[in-house]
Amino acid sequence: MKKNNEKPSILFLENGPIQVSGSVQISGQYGEKHTEETIYVCRCGDSKNKPYCDGTHKTAGFKG
């Protein structure tokens, strides 16, 4: 996978998650780390894969 060295940008998607694009380093609670180019963070509170979005906002009727 090609690494993107752009600074992260944050976009609040209408009635959906927060999109974080760029070079995003993820650190787990046990010290594991990996880099992603784009992640989607839940903001409806109903995702079964928190902190990541799993699309539940669509059926939950999230508005925000």
PDB file of N, CA and C in Angstrom:
ATOM      1  N   MET A   1       0.845  -1.179   0.000  1.00  0.00           N
ATOM      2  CA  MET A   1       0.000   0.000   0.000  1.00  0.00           C
ATOM      3  C   MET A   1       0.885   1.235   0.000  1.00  0.00           C
ATOM      4  N   LYS A   2       0.585   2.144  -0.879  1.00  0.00           N
ATOM      5  CA  LYS A   2       1.318   3.404  -0.958  1.00  0.00           C
ATOM      6  C   LYS A   2       0.944   4.289   0.223  1.00  0.00           C
ATOM      7  N   LYS A   3       1.949   4.803   0.908  1.00  0.00           N
ATOM      8  CA  LYS A   3       1.698   5.684   2.048  1.00  0.00           C
ATOM      9  C   LYS A   3       1.491   7.106   1.572  1.00  0.00           C
ATOM     10  N   ASN A   4       0.469   7.745   2.114  1.00  0.00           N
ATOM     11  CA  ASN A   4       0.140   9.125   1.804  1.00  0.00           C
ATOM     12  C   ASN A   4       0.692   9.969   2.942  1.00  0.00           C
ATOM     13  N   ASN A   5       1.494  10.962   2.657  1.00  0.00           N
ATOM     14  CA  ASN A   5       2.093  11.789   3.698  1.00  0.00           C
ATOM     15  C   ASN A   5       1.351  13.107   3.891  1.00  0.00           C
ATOM     16  N   GLU A   6       0.145  13.201   3.356  1.00  0.00           N
ATOM     17  CA  GLU A   6      -0.646  14.407   3.537  1.00  0.00           C
ATOM     18  C   GLU A   6      -1.111  14.505   4.976  1.00  0.00           C
ATOM     19  N   LYS A   7      -1.253  15.743   5.438  1.00  0.00           N
ATOM     20  CA  LYS A   7      -1.822  15.955   6.762  1.00  0.00           C
ATOM     21  C   LYS A   7      -3.279  15.523   6.723  1.00  0.00           C
ATOM     22  N   PRO A   8      -3.783  14.979   7.828  1.00  0.00           N
ATOM     23  CA  PRO A   8      -5.188  14.561   7.847  1.00  0.00           C
ATOM     24  C   PRO A   8      -6.138  15.732   7.635  1.00  0.00           C
ATOM     25  N   SER A   9      -7.239  15.468   6.951  1.00  0.00           N
ATOM     26  CA  SER A   9      -8.324  16.440   6.840  1.00  0.00           C
ATOM     27  C   SER A   9      -9.570  15.780   7.414  1.00  0.00           C
ATOM     28  N   ILE A  10     -10.418  16.572   8.052  1.00  0.00           N
ATOM     29  CA  ILE A  10     -11.603  16.062   8.731  1.00  0.00           C
ATOM     30  C   ILE A  10     -12.835  16.673   8.079  1.00  0.00           C
ATOM     31  N   LEU A  11     -13.791  15.806   7.743  1.00  0.00           N
ATOM     32  CA  LEU A  11     -15.019  16.237   7.093  1.00  0.00           C
ATOM     33  C   LEU A  11     -16.202  15.585   7.809  1.00  0.00           C
ATOM     34  N   PHE A  12     -17.135  16.389   8.295  1.00  0.00           N
ATOM     35  CA  PHE A  12     -18.360  15.874   8.901  1.00  0.00           C
ATOM     36  C   PHE A  12     -19.353  15.639   7.776  1.00  0.00           C
ATOM     37  N   LEU A  13     -19.657  14.378   7.504  1.00  0.00           N
ATOM     38  CA  LEU A  13     -20.573  14.039   6.432  1.00  0.00           C
ATOM     39  C   LEU A  13     -22.011  14.248   6.908  1.00  0.00           C
ATOM     40  N   GLU A  14     -22.825  14.876   6.086  1.00  0.00           N
ATOM     41  CA  GLU A  14     -24.204  15.169   6.461  1.00  0.00           C
ATOM     42  C   GLU A  14     -24.954  13.891   6.818  1.00  0.00           C
ATOM     43  N   ASN A  15     -25.528  13.872   8.019  1.00  0.00           N
ATOM     44  CA  ASN A  15     -26.287  12.721   8.515  1.00  0.00           C
ATOM     45  C   ASN A  15     -25.483  11.427   8.500  1.00  0.00           C
ATOM     46  N   GLY A  16     -24.169  11.548   8.678  1.00  0.00           N
ATOM     47  CA  GLY A  16     -23.312  10.373   8.643  1.00  0.00           C
ATOM     48  C   GLY A  16     -22.096  10.527   9.530  1.00  0.00           C
ATOM     49  N   PRO A  17     -21.062   9.766   9.239  1.00  0.00           N
ATOM     50  CA  PRO A  17     -19.878   9.742  10.078  1.00  0.00           C
ATOM     51  C   PRO A  17     -18.928  10.913   9.829  1.00  0.00           C
ATOM     52  N   ILE A  18     -17.851  10.905  10.568  1.00  0.00           N
ATOM     53  CA  ILE A  18     -16.752  11.844  10.361  1.00  0.00           C
ATOM     54  C   ILE A  18     -15.738  11.129   9.463  1.00  0.00           C
ATOM     55  N   GLN A  19     -15.384  11.745   8.348  1.00  0.00           N
ATOM     56  CA  GLN A  19     -14.384  11.187   7.435  1.00  0.00           C
ATOM     57  C   GLN A  19     -13.044  11.842   7.730  1.00  0.00           C
ATOM     58  N   VAL A  20     -12.044  11.017   8.024  1.00  0.00           N
ATOM     59  CA  VAL A  20     -10.688  11.513   8.248  1.00  0.00           C
ATOM     60  C   VAL A  20      -9.827  10.958   7.124  1.00  0.00           C
ATOM     61  N   SER A  21      -9.277  11.863   6.285  1.00  0.00           N
ATOM     62  CA  SER A  21      -8.473  11.465   5.131  1.00  0.00           C
ATOM     63  C   SER A  21      -7.065  12.010   5.275  1.00  0.00           C
ATOM     64  N   GLY A  22      -6.131  11.343   4.634  1.00  0.00           N
ATOM     65  CA  GLY A  22      -4.726  11.723   4.704  1.00  0.00           C
ATOM     66  C   GLY A  22      -3.970  10.578   5.339  1.00  0.00           C
ATOM     67  N   SER A  23      -2.826  10.835   5.865  1.00  0.00           N
ATOM     68  CA  SER A  23      -2.045   9.809   6.535  1.00  0.00           C
ATOM     69  C   SER A  23      -2.460   9.761   8.003  1.00  0.00           C
ATOM     70  N   VAL A  24      -3.267   8.756   8.360  1.00  0.00           N
ATOM     71  CA  VAL A  24      -3.827   8.646   9.703  1.00  0.00           C
ATOM     72  C   VAL A  24      -3.193   7.452  10.409  1.00  0.00           C
ATOM     73  N   GLN A  25      -2.492   7.712  11.512  1.00  0.00           N
ATOM     74  CA  GLN A  25      -1.900   6.623  12.283  1.00  0.00           C
ATOM     75  C   GLN A  25      -2.867   6.223  13.391  1.00  0.00           C
ATOM     76  N   ILE A  26      -3.203   4.927  13.445  1.00  0.00           N
ATOM     77  CA  ILE A  26      -4.123   4.376  14.435  1.00  0.00           C
ATOM     78  C   ILE A  26      -3.288   3.650  15.481  1.00  0.00           C
ATOM     79  N   SER A  27      -3.527   3.973  16.755  1.00  0.00           N
ATOM     80  CA  SER A  27      -2.844   3.308  17.862  1.00  0.00           C
ATOM     81  C   SER A  27      -3.878   2.567  18.688  1.00  0.00           C
ATOM     82  N   GLY A  28      -3.662   1.277  18.903  1.00  0.00           N
ATOM     83  CA  GLY A  28      -4.576   0.465  19.707  1.00  0.00           C
ATOM     84  C   GLY A  28      -4.231   0.547  21.181  1.00  0.00           C
ATOM     85  N   GLN A  29      -5.121   0.030  22.008  1.00  0.00           N
ATOM     86  CA  GLN A  29      -4.919   0.120  23.444  1.00  0.00           C
ATOM     87  C   GLN A  29      -3.727  -0.704  23.924  1.00  0.00           C
ATOM     88  N   TYR A  30      -3.259  -1.664  23.123  1.00  0.00           N
ATOM     89  CA  TYR A  30      -2.115  -2.489  23.515  1.00  0.00           C
ATOM     90  C   TYR A  30      -0.828  -2.075  22.807  1.00  0.00           C
ATOM     91  N   GLY A  31      -0.828  -0.886  22.222  1.00  0.00           N
ATOM     92  CA  GLY A  31       0.374  -0.343  21.608  1.00  0.00           C
ATOM     93  C   GLY A  31       0.542  -0.647  20.132  1.00  0.00           C
ATOM     94  N   GLU A  32      -0.351  -1.435  19.557  1.00  0.00           N
ATOM     95  CA  GLU A  32      -0.244  -1.727  18.130  1.00  0.00           C
ATOM     96  C   GLU A  32      -0.570  -0.480  17.320  1.00  0.00           C
ATOM     97  N   LYS A  33       0.105  -0.330  16.191  1.00  0.00           N
ATOM     98  CA  LYS A  33      -0.080   0.850  15.346  1.00  0.00           C
ATOM     99  C   LYS A  33      -0.159   0.431  13.891  1.00  0.00           C
ATOM    100  N   HIS A  34      -0.980   1.143  13.143  1.00  0.00           N
ATOM    101  CA  HIS A  34      -1.009   0.983  11.686  1.00  0.00           C
ATOM    102  C   HIS A  34      -1.487   2.288  11.082  1.00  0.00           C
ATOM    103  N   THR A  35      -1.252   2.440   9.789  1.00  0.00           N
ATOM    104  CA  THR A  35      -1.601   3.676   9.095  1.00  0.00           C
ATOM    105  C   THR A  35      -2.700   3.409   8.081  1.00  0.00           C
ATOM    106  N   GLU A  36      -3.668   4.279   8.055  1.00  0.00           N
ATOM    107  CA  GLU A  36      -4.774   4.202   7.089  1.00  0.00           C
ATOM    108  C   GLU A  36      -4.794   5.500   6.297  1.00  0.00           C
ATOM    109  N   GLU A  37      -5.334   5.444   5.098  1.00  0.00           N
ATOM    110  CA  GLU A  37      -5.453   6.635   4.262  1.00  0.00           C
ATOM    111  C   GLU A  37      -6.778   7.360   4.504  1.00  0.00           C
ATOM    112  N   THR A  38      -7.843   6.618   4.779  1.00  0.00           N
ATOM    113  CA  THR A  38      -9.145   7.205   5.070  1.00  0.00           C
ATOM    114  C   THR A  38      -9.848   6.337   6.105  1.00  0.00           C
ATOM    115  N   ILE A  39     -10.407   6.978   7.137  1.00  0.00           N
ATOM    116  CA  ILE A  39     -11.229   6.259   8.105  1.00  0.00           C
ATOM    117  C   ILE A  39     -12.538   7.014   8.284  1.00  0.00           C
ATOM    118  N   TYR A  40     -13.563   6.298   8.725  1.00  0.00           N
ATOM    119  CA  TYR A  40     -14.871   6.879   8.999  1.00  0.00           C
ATOM    120  C   TYR A  40     -15.197   6.598  10.458  1.00  0.00           C
ATOM    121  N   VAL A  41     -15.377   7.661  11.245  1.00  0.00           N
ATOM    122  CA  VAL A  41     -15.606   7.554  12.674  1.00  0.00           C
ATOM    123  C   VAL A  41     -17.092   7.782  12.961  1.00  0.00           C
ATOM    124  N   CYS A  42     -17.678   6.867  13.745  1.00  0.00           N
ATOM    125  CA  CYS A  42     -19.096   6.945  14.092  1.00  0.00           C
ATOM    126  C   CYS A  42     -19.387   8.198  14.892  1.00  0.00           C
ATOM    127  N   ARG A  43     -20.498   8.843  14.566  1.00  0.00           N
ATOM    128  CA  ARG A  43     -20.976   9.922  15.418  1.00  0.00           C
ATOM    129  C   ARG A  43     -22.447   9.764  15.767  1.00  0.00           C
ATOM    130  N   CYS A  44     -23.087   8.664  15.306  1.00  0.00           N
ATOM    131  CA  CYS A  44     -24.480   8.423  15.683  1.00  0.00           C
ATOM    132  C   CYS A  44     -24.562   7.684  17.016  1.00  0.00           C
ATOM    133  N   GLY A  45     -23.481   6.993  17.391  1.00  0.00           N
ATOM    134  CA  GLY A  45     -23.441   6.267  18.655  1.00  0.00           C
ATOM    135  C   GLY A  45     -23.950   4.844  18.583  1.00  0.00           C
ATOM    136  N   ASP A  46     -24.452   4.396  17.423  1.00  0.00           N
ATOM    137  CA  ASP A  46     -25.055   3.073  17.309  1.00  0.00           C
ATOM    138  C   ASP A  46     -24.177   2.027  16.617  1.00  0.00           C
ATOM    139  N   SER A  47     -23.005   2.405  16.137  1.00  0.00           N
ATOM    140  CA  SER A  47     -22.135   1.463  15.428  1.00  0.00           C
ATOM    141  C   SER A  47     -21.750   0.299  16.340  1.00  0.00           C
ATOM    142  N   LYS A  48     -21.724  -0.885  15.767  1.00  0.00           N
ATOM    143  CA  LYS A  48     -21.264  -2.076  16.494  1.00  0.00           C
ATOM    144  C   LYS A  48     -19.752  -2.229  16.363  1.00  0.00           C
ATOM    145  N   ASN A  49     -19.115  -1.318  15.638  1.00  0.00           N
ATOM    146  CA  ASN A  49     -17.676  -1.369  15.377  1.00  0.00           C
ATOM    147  C   ASN A  49     -17.000  -0.075  15.829  1.00  0.00           C
ATOM    148  N   LYS A  50     -17.492   0.529  16.923  1.00  0.00           N
ATOM    149  CA  LYS A  50     -16.951   1.801  17.418  1.00  0.00           C
ATOM    150  C   LYS A  50     -15.460   1.677  17.672  1.00  0.00           C
ATOM    151  N   PRO A  51     -14.695   2.697  17.368  1.00  0.00           N
ATOM    152  CA  PRO A  51     -15.120   4.037  17.005  1.00  0.00           C
ATOM    153  C   PRO A  51     -15.425   4.194  15.519  1.00  0.00           C
ATOM    154  N   TYR A  52     -15.339   3.128  14.752  1.00  0.00           N
ATOM    155  CA  TYR A  52     -15.531   3.223  13.305  1.00  0.00           C
ATOM    156  C   TYR A  52     -17.008   3.106  12.936  1.00  0.00           C
ATOM    157  N   CYS A  53     -17.373   3.722  11.843  1.00  0.00           N
ATOM    158  CA  CYS A  53     -18.729   3.671  11.317  1.00  0.00           C
ATOM    159  C   CYS A  53     -18.972   2.318  10.652  1.00  0.00           C
ATOM    160  N   ASP A  54     -20.145   1.741  10.907  1.00  0.00           N
ATOM    161  CA  ASP A  54     -20.534   0.510  10.211  1.00  0.00           C
ATOM    162  C   ASP A  54     -21.795   0.709   9.362  1.00  0.00           C
ATOM    163  N   GLY A  55     -22.211   1.978   9.192  1.00  0.00           N
ATOM    164  CA  GLY A  55     -23.365   2.288   8.368  1.00  0.00           C
ATOM    165  C   GLY A  55     -24.693   2.283   9.120  1.00  0.00           C
ATOM    166  N   THR A  56     -24.673   2.010  10.423  1.00  0.00           N
ATOM    167  CA  THR A  56     -25.903   1.950  11.205  1.00  0.00           C
ATOM    168  C   THR A  56     -26.677   3.256  11.187  1.00  0.00           C
ATOM    169  N   HIS A  57     -25.991   4.375  11.002  1.00  0.00           N
ATOM    170  CA  HIS A  57     -26.670   5.669  10.990  1.00  0.00           C
ATOM    171  C   HIS A  57     -27.797   5.715   9.956  1.00  0.00           C
ATOM    172  N   LYS A  58     -27.661   4.949   8.887  1.00  0.00           N
ATOM    173  CA  LYS A  58     -28.673   4.957   7.824  1.00  0.00           C
ATOM    174  C   LYS A  58     -30.003   4.405   8.325  1.00  0.00           C
ATOM    175  N   THR A  59     -29.968   3.313   9.097  1.00  0.00           N
ATOM    176  CA  THR A  59     -31.207   2.712   9.596  1.00  0.00           C
ATOM    177  C   THR A  59     -31.636   3.324  10.925  1.00  0.00           C
ATOM    178  N   ALA A  60     -30.720   3.992  11.618  1.00  0.00           N
ATOM    179  CA  ALA A  60     -31.049   4.589  12.915  1.00  0.00           C
ATOM    180  C   ALA A  60     -31.715   5.950  12.756  1.00  0.00           C
ATOM    181  N   GLY A  61     -31.710   6.485  11.545  1.00  0.00           N
ATOM    182  CA  GLY A  61     -32.327   7.788  11.305  1.00  0.00           C
ATOM    183  C   GLY A  61     -31.508   8.941  11.868  1.00  0.00           C
ATOM    184  N   PHE A  62     -30.190   8.772  11.950  1.00  0.00           N
ATOM    185  CA  PHE A  62     -29.321   9.813  12.495  1.00  0.00           C
ATOM    186  C   PHE A  62     -29.405  11.085  11.663  1.00  0.00           C
ATOM    187  N   LYS A  63     -29.570  12.189  12.319  1.00  0.00           N
ATOM    188  CA  LYS A  63     -29.552  13.503  11.678  1.00  0.00           C
ATOM    189  C   LYS A  63     -28.513  14.354  12.403  1.00  0.00           C
ATOM    190  N   GLY A  64     -27.586  14.864  11.669  1.00  0.00           N
ATOM    191  CA  GLY A  64     -26.585  15.687  12.320  1.00  0.00           C
ATOM    192  C   GLY A  64     -25.542  16.216  11.396  1.00  0.00           C
TER     193      GLY A  64
END
